[in-house]
All heavy atoms as atom14 arrays in JSON, in Angstrom:
{
  "sequence": "GAVLSTEPQDLKFAGEKTYLHIGDRTVIRECVTLNRGTKASGKTVV",
  "atom14_mask": [
    [1, 1, 1, 1, 0, 0, 0, 0, 0, 0, 0, 0, 0, 0],
    [1, 1, 1, 1, 1, 0, 0, 0, 0, 0, 0, 0, 0, 0],
    [1, 1, 1, 1, 1, 1, 1, 0, 0, 0, 0, 0, 0, 0],
    [1, 1, 1, 1, 1, 1, 1, 1, 0, 0, 0, 0, 0, 0],
    [1, 1, 1, 1, 1, 1, 0, 0, 0, 0, 0, 0, 0, 0],
    [1, 1, 1, 1, 1, 1, 1, 0, 0, 0, 0, 0, 0, 0],
    [1, 1, 1, 1, 1, 1, 1, 1, 1, 0, 0, 0, 0, 0],
    [1, 1, 1, 1, 1, 1, 1, 0, 0, 0, 0, 0, 0, 0],
    [1, 1, 1, 1, 1, 1, 1, 1, 1, 0, 0, 0, 0, 0],
    [1, 1, 1, 1, 1, 1, 1, 1, 0, 0, 0, 0, 0, 0],
    [1, 1, 1, 1, 1, 1, 1, 1, 0, 0, 0, 0, 0, 0],
    [1, 1, 1, 1, 1, 1, 1, 1, 1, 0, 0, 0, 0, 0],
    [1, 1, 1, 1, 1, 1, 1, 1, 1, 1, 1, 0, 0, 0],
    [1, 1, 1, 1, 1, 0, 0, 0, 0, 0, 0, 0, 0, 0],
    [1, 1, 1, 1, 0, 0, 0, 0, 0, 0, 0, 0, 0, 0],
    [1, 1, 1, 1, 1, 1, 1, 1, 1, 0, 0, 0, 0, 0],
    [1, 1, 1, 1, 1, 1, 1, 1, 1, 0, 0, 0, 0, 0],
    [1, 1, 1, 1, 1, 1, 1, 0, 0, 0, 0, 0, 0, 0],
    [1, 1, 1, 1, 1, 1, 1, 1, 1, 1, 1, 1, 0, 0],
    [1, 1, 1, 1, 1, 1, 1, 1, 0, 0, 0, 0, 0, 0],
    [1, 1, 1, 1, 1, 1, 1, 1, 1, 1, 0, 0, 0, 0],
    [1, 1, 1, 1, 1, 1, 1, 1, 0, 0, 0, 0, 0, 0],
    [1, 1, 1, 1, 0, 0, 0, 0, 0, 0, 0, 0, 0, 0],
    [1, 1, 1, 1, 1, 1, 1, 1, 0, 0, 0, 0, 0, 0],
    [1, 1, 1, 1, 1, 1, 1, 1, 1, 1, 1, 0, 0, 0],
    [1, 1, 1, 1, 1, 1, 1, 0, 0, 0, 0, 0, 0, 0],
    [1, 1, 1, 1, 1, 1, 1, 0, 0, 0, 0, 0, 0, 0],
    [1, 1, 1, 1, 1, 1, 1, 1, 0, 0, 0, 0, 0, 0],
    [1, 1, 1, 1, 1, 1, 1, 1, 1, 1, 1, 0, 0, 0],
    [1, 1, 1, 1, 1, 1, 1, 1, 1, 0, 0, 0, 0, 0],
    [1, 1, 1, 1, 1, 1, 0, 0, 0, 0, 0, 0, 0, 0],
    [1, 1, 1, 1, 1, 1, 1, 0, 0, 0, 0, 0, 0, 0],
    [1, 1, 1, 1, 1, 1, 1, 0, 0, 0, 0, 0, 0, 0],
    [1, 1, 1, 1, 1, 1, 1, 1, 0, 0, 0, 0, 0, 0],
    [1, 1, 1, 1, 1, 1, 1, 1, 0, 0, 0, 0, 0, 0],
    [1, 1, 1, 1, 1, 1, 1, 1, 1, 1, 1, 0, 0, 0],
    [1, 1, 1, 1, 0, 0, 0, 0, 0, 0, 0, 0, 0, 0],
    [1, 1, 1, 1, 1, 1, 1, 0, 0, 0, 0, 0, 0, 0],
    [1, 1, 1, 1, 1, 1, 1, 1, 1, 0, 0, 0, 0, 0],
    [1, 1, 1, 1, 1, 0, 0, 0, 0, 0, 0, 0, 0, 0],
    [1, 1, 1, 1, 1, 1, 0, 0, 0, 0, 0, 0, 0, 0],
    [1, 1, 1, 1, 0, 0, 0, 0, 0, 0, 0, 0, 0, 0],
    [1, 1, 1, 1, 1, 1, 1, 1, 1, 0, 0, 0, 0, 0],
    [1, 1, 1, 1, 1, 1, 1, 0, 0, 0, 0, 0, 0, 0],
    [1, 1, 1, 1, 1, 1, 1, 0, 0, 0, 0, 0, 0, 0],
    [1, 1, 1, 1, 1, 1, 1, 0, 0, 0, 0, 0, 0, 0]
  ],
  "atom14_positions": [
    [[47.73, 138.47, 60.89], [47.1, 137.54, 61.81], [45.81, 136.93, 61.33], [45.19, 136.15, 62.07], [0.0, 0.0, 0.0], [0.0, 0.0, 0.0], [0.0, 0.0, 0.0], [0.0, 0.0, 0.0], [0.0, 0.0, 0.0], [0.0, 0.0, 0.0], [0.0, 0.0, 0.0], [0.0, 0.0, 0.0], [0.0, 0.0, 0.0], [0.0, 0.0, 0.0]],
    [[45.36, 137.24, 60.11], [44.15, 136.59, 59.6], [44.43, 135.1, 59.37], [45.52, 134.71, 58.96], [43.71, 137.25, 58.3], [0.0, 0.0, 0.0], [0.0, 0.0, 0.0], [0.0, 0.0, 0.0], [0.0, 0.0, 0.0], [0.0, 0.0, 0.0], [0.0, 0.0, 0.0], [0.0, 0.0, 0.0], [0.0, 0.0, 0.0], [0.0, 0.0, 0.0]],
    [[43.43, 134.28, 59.64], [43.55, 132.82, 59.47], [42.39, 132.37, 58.6], [41.24, 132.38, 59.03], [43.54, 132.1, 60.83], [43.65, 130.6, 60.64], [44.67, 132.61, 61.72], [0.0, 0.0, 0.0], [0.0, 0.0, 0.0], [0.0, 0.0, 0.0], [0.0, 0.0, 0.0], [0.0, 0.0, 0.0], [0.0, 0.0, 0.0], [0.0, 0.0, 0.0]],
    [[42.71, 131.95, 57.38], [41.68, 131.69, 56.38], [41.75, 130.25, 55.88], [42.83, 129.71, 55.66], [41.84, 132.64, 55.19], [41.96, 134.13, 55.49], [42.02, 134.92, 54.2], [40.82, 134.62, 56.37], [0.0, 0.0, 0.0], [0.0, 0.0, 0.0], [0.0, 0.0, 0.0], [0.0, 0.0, 0.0], [0.0, 0.0, 0.0], [0.0, 0.0, 0.0]],
    [[40.58, 129.65, 55.71], [40.42, 128.34, 55.09], [40.92, 127.19, 55.96], [41.27, 126.13, 55.46], [41.12, 128.29, 53.72], [40.65, 127.19, 52.96], [0.0, 0.0, 0.0], [0.0, 0.0, 0.0], [0.0, 0.0, 0.0], [0.0, 0.0, 0.0], [0.0, 0.0, 0.0], [0.0, 0.0, 0.0], [0.0, 0.0, 0.0], [0.0, 0.0, 0.0]],
    [[40.91, 127.39, 57.26], [41.24, 126.28, 58.16], [40.03, 125.36, 58.32], [38.93, 125.65, 57.87], [41.69, 126.82, 59.52], [40.77, 127.83, 59.95], [43.08, 127.41, 59.43], [0.0, 0.0, 0.0], [0.0, 0.0, 0.0], [0.0, 0.0, 0.0], [0.0, 0.0, 0.0], [0.0, 0.0, 0.0], [0.0, 0.0, 0.0], [0.0, 0.0, 0.0]],
    [[40.24, 124.22, 58.98], [39.18, 123.21, 59.09], [37.94, 123.76, 59.8], [38.04, 124.55, 60.74], [39.7, 122.0, 59.85], [40.68, 121.15, 59.07], [40.98, 119.84, 59.76], [40.43, 119.62, 60.87], [41.76, 119.04, 59.21], [0.0, 0.0, 0.0], [0.0, 0.0, 0.0], [0.0, 0.0, 0.0], [0.0, 0.0, 0.0], [0.0, 0.0, 0.0]],
    [[36.76, 123.3, 59.38], [35.52, 123.72, 60.05], [35.5, 123.27, 61.51], [36.05, 122.22, 61.86], [34.43, 123.0, 59.25], [35.08, 122.59, 57.98], [36.52, 122.4, 58.26], [0.0, 0.0, 0.0], [0.0, 0.0, 0.0], [0.0, 0.0, 0.0], [0.0, 0.0, 0.0], [0.0, 0.0, 0.0], [0.0, 0.0, 0.0], [0.0, 0.0, 0.0]],
    [[34.85, 124.07, 62.33], [34.63, 123.7, 63.73], [33.29, 122.96, 63.82], [32.33, 123.44, 64.4], [34.65, 124.95, 64.59], [35.99, 125.68, 64.53], [35.99, 126.98, 65.28], [36.42, 127.05, 66.44], [35.53, 128.04, 64.65], [0.0, 0.0, 0.0], [0.0, 0.0, 0.0], [0.0, 0.0, 0.0], [0.0, 0.0, 0.0], [0.0, 0.0, 0.0]],
    [[33.26, 121.79, 63.22], [32.05, 121.0, 63.09], [32.42, 119.55, 63.4], [33.28, 118.97, 62.73], [31.5, 121.13, 61.67], [30.18, 120.41, 61.46], [29.85, 119.52, 62.26], [29.48, 120.74, 60.48], [0.0, 0.0, 0.0], [0.0, 0.0, 0.0], [0.0, 0.0, 0.0], [0.0, 0.0, 0.0], [0.0, 0.0, 0.0], [0.0, 0.0, 0.0]],
    [[31.77, 118.97, 64.39], [32.1, 117.6, 64.79], [31.83, 116.58, 63.69], [32.39, 115.49, 63.7], [31.32, 117.23, 66.05], [31.68, 118.02, 67.31], [30.75, 117.62, 68.46], [33.14, 117.82, 67.7], [0.0, 0.0, 0.0], [0.0, 0.0, 0.0], [0.0, 0.0, 0.0], [0.0, 0.0, 0.0], [0.0, 0.0, 0.0], [0.0, 0.0, 0.0]],
    [[31.0, 116.94, 62.72], [30.7, 116.02, 61.62], [31.77, 116.07, 60.53], [31.77, 115.23, 59.63], [29.33, 116.35, 61.01], [28.17, 116.23, 61.98], [26.84, 116.45, 61.29], [26.7, 117.83, 60.69], [26.79, 118.9, 61.7], [0.0, 0.0, 0.0], [0.0, 0.0, 0.0], [0.0, 0.0, 0.0], [0.0, 0.0, 0.0], [0.0, 0.0, 0.0]],
    [[32.65, 117.05, 60.57], [33.67, 117.17, 59.54], [34.62, 115.98, 59.62], [35.13, 115.64, 60.69], [34.45, 118.47, 59.71], [35.51, 118.68, 58.68], [35.17, 118.98, 57.37], [36.86, 118.59, 59.01], [36.15, 119.18, 56.41], [37.84, 118.8, 58.06], [37.48, 119.09, 56.75], [0.0, 0.0, 0.0], [0.0, 0.0, 0.0], [0.0, 0.0, 0.0]],
    [[34.84, 115.33, 58.48], [35.64, 114.1, 58.44], [36.83, 114.23, 57.51], [37.31, 113.23, 56.97], [34.76, 112.93, 58.02], [0.0, 0.0, 0.0], [0.0, 0.0, 0.0], [0.0, 0.0, 0.0], [0.0, 0.0, 0.0], [0.0, 0.0, 0.0], [0.0, 0.0, 0.0], [0.0, 0.0, 0.0], [0.0, 0.0, 0.0], [0.0, 0.0, 0.0]],
    [[37.3, 115.46, 57.32], [38.49, 115.66, 56.51], [38.23, 115.74, 55.02], [39.18, 115.7, 54.22], [0.0, 0.0, 0.0], [0.0, 0.0, 0.0], [0.0, 0.0, 0.0], [0.0, 0.0, 0.0], [0.0, 0.0, 0.0], [0.0, 0.0, 0.0], [0.0, 0.0, 0.0], [0.0, 0.0, 0.0], [0.0, 0.0, 0.0], [0.0, 0.0, 0.0]],
    [[36.96, 115.86, 54.61], [36.65, 115.93, 53.19], [37.25, 117.19, 52.55], [37.51, 118.18, 53.23], [35.13, 115.9, 52.95], [34.35, 117.02, 53.61], [33.8, 116.65, 54.98], [34.37, 115.73, 55.63], [32.83, 117.29, 55.41], [0.0, 0.0, 0.0], [0.0, 0.0, 0.0], [0.0, 0.0, 0.0], [0.0, 0.0, 0.0], [0.0, 0.0, 0.0]],
    [[37.47, 117.13, 51.24], [38.05, 118.25, 50.51], [37.01, 119.35, 50.34], [35.97, 119.15, 49.71], [38.54, 117.79, 49.13], [39.21, 118.88, 48.32], [40.47, 119.37, 48.99], [41.16, 120.43, 48.16], [42.35, 120.96, 48.87], [0.0, 0.0, 0.0], [0.0, 0.0, 0.0], [0.0, 0.0, 0.0], [0.0, 0.0, 0.0], [0.0, 0.0, 0.0]],
    [[37.28, 120.5, 50.93], [36.36, 121.63, 50.82], [37.16, 122.9, 50.61], [38.4, 122.9, 50.65], [35.49, 121.75, 52.09], [36.34, 121.88, 53.24], [34.58, 120.54, 52.25], [0.0, 0.0, 0.0], [0.0, 0.0, 0.0], [0.0, 0.0, 0.0], [0.0, 0.0, 0.0], [0.0, 0.0, 0.0], [0.0, 0.0, 0.0], [0.0, 0.0, 0.0]],
    [[36.44, 124.03, 50.44], [37.08, 125.25, 49.98], [36.58, 126.49, 50.72], [35.52, 126.48, 51.35], [36.83, 125.44, 48.48], [37.39, 124.33, 47.64], [36.61, 123.2, 47.34], [38.7, 124.37, 47.17], [37.13, 122.16, 46.58], [39.22, 123.34, 46.41], [38.44, 122.24, 46.11], [38.96, 121.21, 45.37], [0.0, 0.0, 0.0], [0.0, 0.0, 0.0]],
    [[37.37, 127.55, 50.58], [36.97, 128.92, 50.93], [37.18, 129.77, 49.69], [38.31, 129.84, 49.18], [37.8, 129.46, 52.09], [37.68, 130.97, 52.33], [36.29, 131.33, 52.86], [38.76, 131.47, 53.28], [0.0, 0.0, 0.0], [0.0, 0.0, 0.0], [0.0, 0.0, 0.0], [0.0, 0.0, 0.0], [0.0, 0.0, 0.0], [0.0, 0.0, 0.0]],
    [[36.12, 130.39, 49.2], [36.22, 131.27, 48.03], [36.05, 132.72, 48.48], [35.08, 133.04, 49.19], [35.14, 130.93, 47.01], [35.34, 129.61, 46.33], [36.0, 129.49, 45.14], [34.97, 128.36, 46.68], [36.04, 128.22, 44.77], [35.41, 127.51, 45.71], [0.0, 0.0, 0.0], [0.0, 0.0, 0.0], [0.0, 0.0, 0.0], [0.0, 0.0, 0.0]],
    [[36.96, 133.58, 48.05], [36.89, 135.02, 48.34], [36.98, 135.76, 47.02], [37.85, 135.48, 46.19], [38.02, 135.46, 49.29], [37.88, 134.74, 50.64], [37.99, 136.97, 49.49], [39.03, 135.0, 51.59], [0.0, 0.0, 0.0], [0.0, 0.0, 0.0], [0.0, 0.0, 0.0], [0.0, 0.0, 0.0], [0.0, 0.0, 0.0], [0.0, 0.0, 0.0]],
    [[36.08, 136.71, 46.8], [36.03, 137.46, 45.55], [37.15, 138.47, 45.42], [38.16, 138.43, 46.13], [0.0, 0.0, 0.0], [0.0, 0.0, 0.0], [0.0, 0.0, 0.0], [0.0, 0.0, 0.0], [0.0, 0.0, 0.0], [0.0, 0.0, 0.0], [0.0, 0.0, 0.0], [0.0, 0.0, 0.0], [0.0, 0.0, 0.0], [0.0, 0.0, 0.0]],
    [[36.97, 139.42, 44.52], [37.98, 140.44, 44.23], [37.8, 141.66, 45.13], [36.69, 142.0, 45.53], [37.87, 140.88, 42.77], [38.09, 139.74, 41.78], [38.87, 138.83, 42.11], [37.49, 139.78, 40.7], [0.0, 0.0, 0.0], [0.0, 0.0, 0.0], [0.0, 0.0, 0.0], [0.0, 0.0, 0.0], [0.0, 0.0, 0.0], [0.0, 0.0, 0.0]],
    [[38.92, 142.3, 45.41], [38.96, 143.6, 46.1], [38.36, 143.58, 47.5], [37.96, 144.61, 48.03], [38.26, 144.69, 45.24], [38.9, 144.91, 43.89], [38.07, 145.86, 43.04], [36.71, 145.32, 42.85], [36.39, 144.39, 41.95], [37.31, 143.89, 41.14], [35.15, 143.96, 41.86], [0.0, 0.0, 0.0], [0.0, 0.0, 0.0], [0.0, 0.0, 0.0]],
    [[38.27, 142.44, 48.09], [37.76, 142.34, 49.45], [38.89, 142.6, 50.44], [40.01, 142.14, 50.25], [37.12, 140.96, 49.67], [35.83, 140.97, 49.03], [36.94, 140.63, 51.13], [0.0, 0.0, 0.0], [0.0, 0.0, 0.0], [0.0, 0.0, 0.0], [0.0, 0.0, 0.0], [0.0, 0.0, 0.0], [0.0, 0.0, 0.0], [0.0, 0.0, 0.0]],
    [[38.56, 143.34, 51.5], [39.53, 143.68, 52.55], [39.2, 142.87, 53.79], [38.07, 142.9, 54.3], [39.49, 145.18, 52.87], [40.41, 145.51, 54.05], [39.89, 146.0, 51.64], [0.0, 0.0, 0.0], [0.0, 0.0, 0.0], [0.0, 0.0, 0.0], [0.0, 0.0, 0.0], [0.0, 0.0, 0.0], [0.0, 0.0, 0.0], [0.0, 0.0, 0.0]],
    [[40.17, 142.13, 54.28], [40.02, 141.31, 55.48], [41.03, 141.82, 56.5], [42.24, 141.72, 56.3], [40.24, 139.83, 55.16], [39.14, 139.35, 54.19], [40.25, 138.99, 56.42], [39.32, 137.95, 53.7], [0.0, 0.0, 0.0], [0.0, 0.0, 0.0], [0.0, 0.0, 0.0], [0.0, 0.0, 0.0], [0.0, 0.0, 0.0], [0.0, 0.0, 0.0]],
    [[40.53, 142.35, 57.6], [41.41, 143.0, 58.57], [41.98, 142.01, 59.57], [41.83, 140.81, 59.46], [40.66, 144.15, 59.25], [40.29, 145.3, 58.3], [41.53, 145.91, 57.63], [42.46, 146.4, 58.61], [42.53, 147.67, 59.03], [41.69, 148.58, 58.54], [43.42, 148.04, 59.93], [0.0, 0.0, 0.0], [0.0, 0.0, 0.0], [0.0, 0.0, 0.0]],
    [[42.63, 142.56, 60.59], [43.46, 141.76, 61.49], [42.65, 140.68, 62.23], [41.55, 140.92, 62.72], [44.14, 142.67, 62.52], [45.12, 143.66, 61.94], [44.49, 144.89, 61.34], [43.24, 145.04, 61.42], [45.22, 145.72, 60.77], [0.0, 0.0, 0.0], [0.0, 0.0, 0.0], [0.0, 0.0, 0.0], [0.0, 0.0, 0.0], [0.0, 0.0, 0.0]],
    [[43.26, 139.5, 62.29], [42.77, 138.39, 63.13], [41.4, 137.89, 62.76], [40.71, 137.26, 63.59], [42.82, 138.79, 64.61], [44.47, 139.26, 65.18], [0.0, 0.0, 0.0], [0.0, 0.0, 0.0], [0.0, 0.0, 0.0], [0.0, 0.0, 0.0], [0.0, 0.0, 0.0], [0.0, 0.0, 0.0], [0.0, 0.0, 0.0], [0.0, 0.0, 0.0]],
    [[40.97, 138.1, 61.54], [39.74, 137.49, 61.04], [39.97, 135.99, 60.85], [41.04, 135.56, 60.42], [39.31, 138.14, 59.72], [38.21, 137.33, 59.02], [38.84, 139.56, 59.96], [0.0, 0.0, 0.0], [0.0, 0.0, 0.0], [0.0, 0.0, 0.0], [0.0, 0.0, 0.0], [0.0, 0.0, 0.0], [0.0, 0.0, 0.0], [0.0, 0.0, 0.0]],
    [[38.95, 135.18, 61.17], [39.02, 133.73, 60.93], [37.84, 133.33, 60.06], [36.68, 133.58, 60.39], [39.02, 132.92, 62.24], [37.84, 133.25, 63.01], [40.26, 133.25, 63.07], [0.0, 0.0, 0.0], [0.0, 0.0, 0.0], [0.0, 0.0, 0.0], [0.0, 0.0, 0.0], [0.0, 0.0, 0.0], [0.0, 0.0, 0.0], [0.0, 0.0, 0.0]],
    [[38.14, 132.69, 58.94], [37.12, 132.19, 58.01], [37.39, 130.71, 57.77], [38.41, 130.34, 57.19], [37.18, 132.95, 56.68], [37.07, 134.48, 56.73], [37.24, 135.06, 55.33], [35.74, 134.91, 57.33], [0.0, 0.0, 0.0], [0.0, 0.0, 0.0], [0.0, 0.0, 0.0], [0.0, 0.0, 0.0], [0.0, 0.0, 0.0], [0.0, 0.0, 0.0]],
    [[36.49, 129.86, 58.23], [36.65, 128.42, 58.03], [36.15, 128.01, 56.64], [35.24, 128.63, 56.1], [35.86, 127.63, 59.07], [36.38, 127.81, 60.48], [35.65, 127.61, 61.43], [37.64, 128.18, 60.64], [0.0, 0.0, 0.0], [0.0, 0.0, 0.0], [0.0, 0.0, 0.0], [0.0, 0.0, 0.0], [0.0, 0.0, 0.0], [0.0, 0.0, 0.0]],
    [[36.74, 126.95, 56.1], [36.24, 126.45, 54.83], [34.97, 125.61, 55.08], [34.56, 125.4, 56.22], [37.31, 125.65, 54.1], [37.81, 124.39, 54.77], [38.89, 123.75, 53.9], [39.37, 122.48, 54.43], [40.42, 122.35, 55.23], [41.13, 123.42, 55.57], [40.79, 121.16, 55.66], [0.0, 0.0, 0.0], [0.0, 0.0, 0.0], [0.0, 0.0, 0.0]],
    [[34.35, 125.14, 54.0], [33.08, 124.46, 54.1], [33.18, 123.03, 54.59], [34.26, 122.51, 54.91], [0.0, 0.0, 0.0], [0.0, 0.0, 0.0], [0.0, 0.0, 0.0], [0.0, 0.0, 0.0], [0.0, 0.0, 0.0], [0.0, 0.0, 0.0], [0.0, 0.0, 0.0], [0.0, 0.0, 0.0], [0.0, 0.0, 0.0], [0.0, 0.0, 0.0]],
    [[32.01, 122.38, 54.65], [31.91, 120.95, 54.94], [31.24, 120.28, 53.74], [30.89, 120.94, 52.75], [31.07, 120.7, 56.2], [29.71, 121.06, 55.93], [31.59, 121.5, 57.38], [0.0, 0.0, 0.0], [0.0, 0.0, 0.0], [0.0, 0.0, 0.0], [0.0, 0.0, 0.0], [0.0, 0.0, 0.0], [0.0, 0.0, 0.0], [0.0, 0.0, 0.0]],
    [[30.98, 119.0, 53.86], [30.32, 118.3, 52.77], [28.89, 118.8, 52.54], [28.3, 118.51, 51.49], [30.31, 116.8, 53.03], [29.54, 116.37, 54.26], [29.64, 114.86, 54.46], [28.91, 114.41, 55.72], [29.05, 112.95, 55.93], [0.0, 0.0, 0.0], [0.0, 0.0, 0.0], [0.0, 0.0, 0.0], [0.0, 0.0, 0.0], [0.0, 0.0, 0.0]],
    [[28.35, 119.56, 53.47], [27.0, 120.09, 53.29], [26.89, 120.94, 52.04], [25.92, 120.85, 51.29], [26.59, 120.9, 54.52], [0.0, 0.0, 0.0], [0.0, 0.0, 0.0], [0.0, 0.0, 0.0], [0.0, 0.0, 0.0], [0.0, 0.0, 0.0], [0.0, 0.0, 0.0], [0.0, 0.0, 0.0], [0.0, 0.0, 0.0], [0.0, 0.0, 0.0]],
    [[27.89, 121.78, 51.79], [27.89, 122.6, 50.57], [29.23, 122.57, 49.85], [29.32, 122.96, 48.69], [27.52, 124.05, 50.89], [28.59, 124.69, 51.58], [0.0, 0.0, 0.0], [0.0, 0.0, 0.0], [0.0, 0.0, 0.0], [0.0, 0.0, 0.0], [0.0, 0.0, 0.0], [0.0, 0.0, 0.0], [0.0, 0.0, 0.0], [0.0, 0.0, 0.0]],
    [[30.28, 122.17, 50.55], [31.6, 122.08, 49.96], [32.42, 123.34, 50.03], [33.62, 123.31, 49.74], [0.0, 0.0, 0.0], [0.0, 0.0, 0.0], [0.0, 0.0, 0.0], [0.0, 0.0, 0.0], [0.0, 0.0, 0.0], [0.0, 0.0, 0.0], [0.0, 0.0, 0.0], [0.0, 0.0, 0.0], [0.0, 0.0, 0.0], [0.0, 0.0, 0.0]],
    [[31.81, 124.46, 50.45], [32.58, 125.7, 50.43], [31.95, 126.77, 51.32], [30.74, 126.78, 51.56], [32.69, 126.24, 49.01], [31.36, 126.55, 48.35], [31.53, 126.91, 46.88], [30.17, 127.14, 46.22], [30.31, 127.47, 44.78], [0.0, 0.0, 0.0], [0.0, 0.0, 0.0], [0.0, 0.0, 0.0], [0.0, 0.0, 0.0], [0.0, 0.0, 0.0]],
    [[32.8, 127.63, 51.8], [32.42, 128.9, 52.4], [32.73, 129.98, 51.37], [33.74, 129.91, 50.68], [33.2, 129.15, 53.7], [32.89, 128.11, 54.63], [32.88, 130.5, 54.3], [0.0, 0.0, 0.0], [0.0, 0.0, 0.0], [0.0, 0.0, 0.0], [0.0, 0.0, 0.0], [0.0, 0.0, 0.0], [0.0, 0.0, 0.0], [0.0, 0.0, 0.0]],
    [[31.85, 130.98, 51.26], [32.0, 131.98, 50.2], [31.92, 133.39, 50.78], [31.01, 133.69, 51.57], [30.9, 131.81, 49.12], [31.03, 132.88, 48.04], [30.97, 130.42, 48.51], [0.0, 0.0, 0.0], [0.0, 0.0, 0.0], [0.0, 0.0, 0.0], [0.0, 0.0, 0.0], [0.0, 0.0, 0.0], [0.0, 0.0, 0.0], [0.0, 0.0, 0.0]],
    [[32.86, 134.23, 50.37], [32.81, 135.67, 50.64], [32.92, 136.36, 49.29], [33.81, 136.03, 48.48], [33.95, 136.12, 51.58], [33.91, 137.63, 51.77], [33.86, 135.4, 52.91], [0.0, 0.0, 0.0], [0.0, 0.0, 0.0], [0.0, 0.0, 0.0], [0.0, 0.0, 0.0], [0.0, 0.0, 0.0], [0.0, 0.0, 0.0], [0.0, 0.0, 0.0]]
  ]
}
């Protein structure tokens, strides 16, 4: 049930190409939600 790299919940987001980066050996448990970045930085990072 984890949902990763979906669109940001930001009214300024205009569909630009952005990313979610996750490192090695990280554990993400049930129903976690991680949005990708906006043009402000281009990425969300874990």
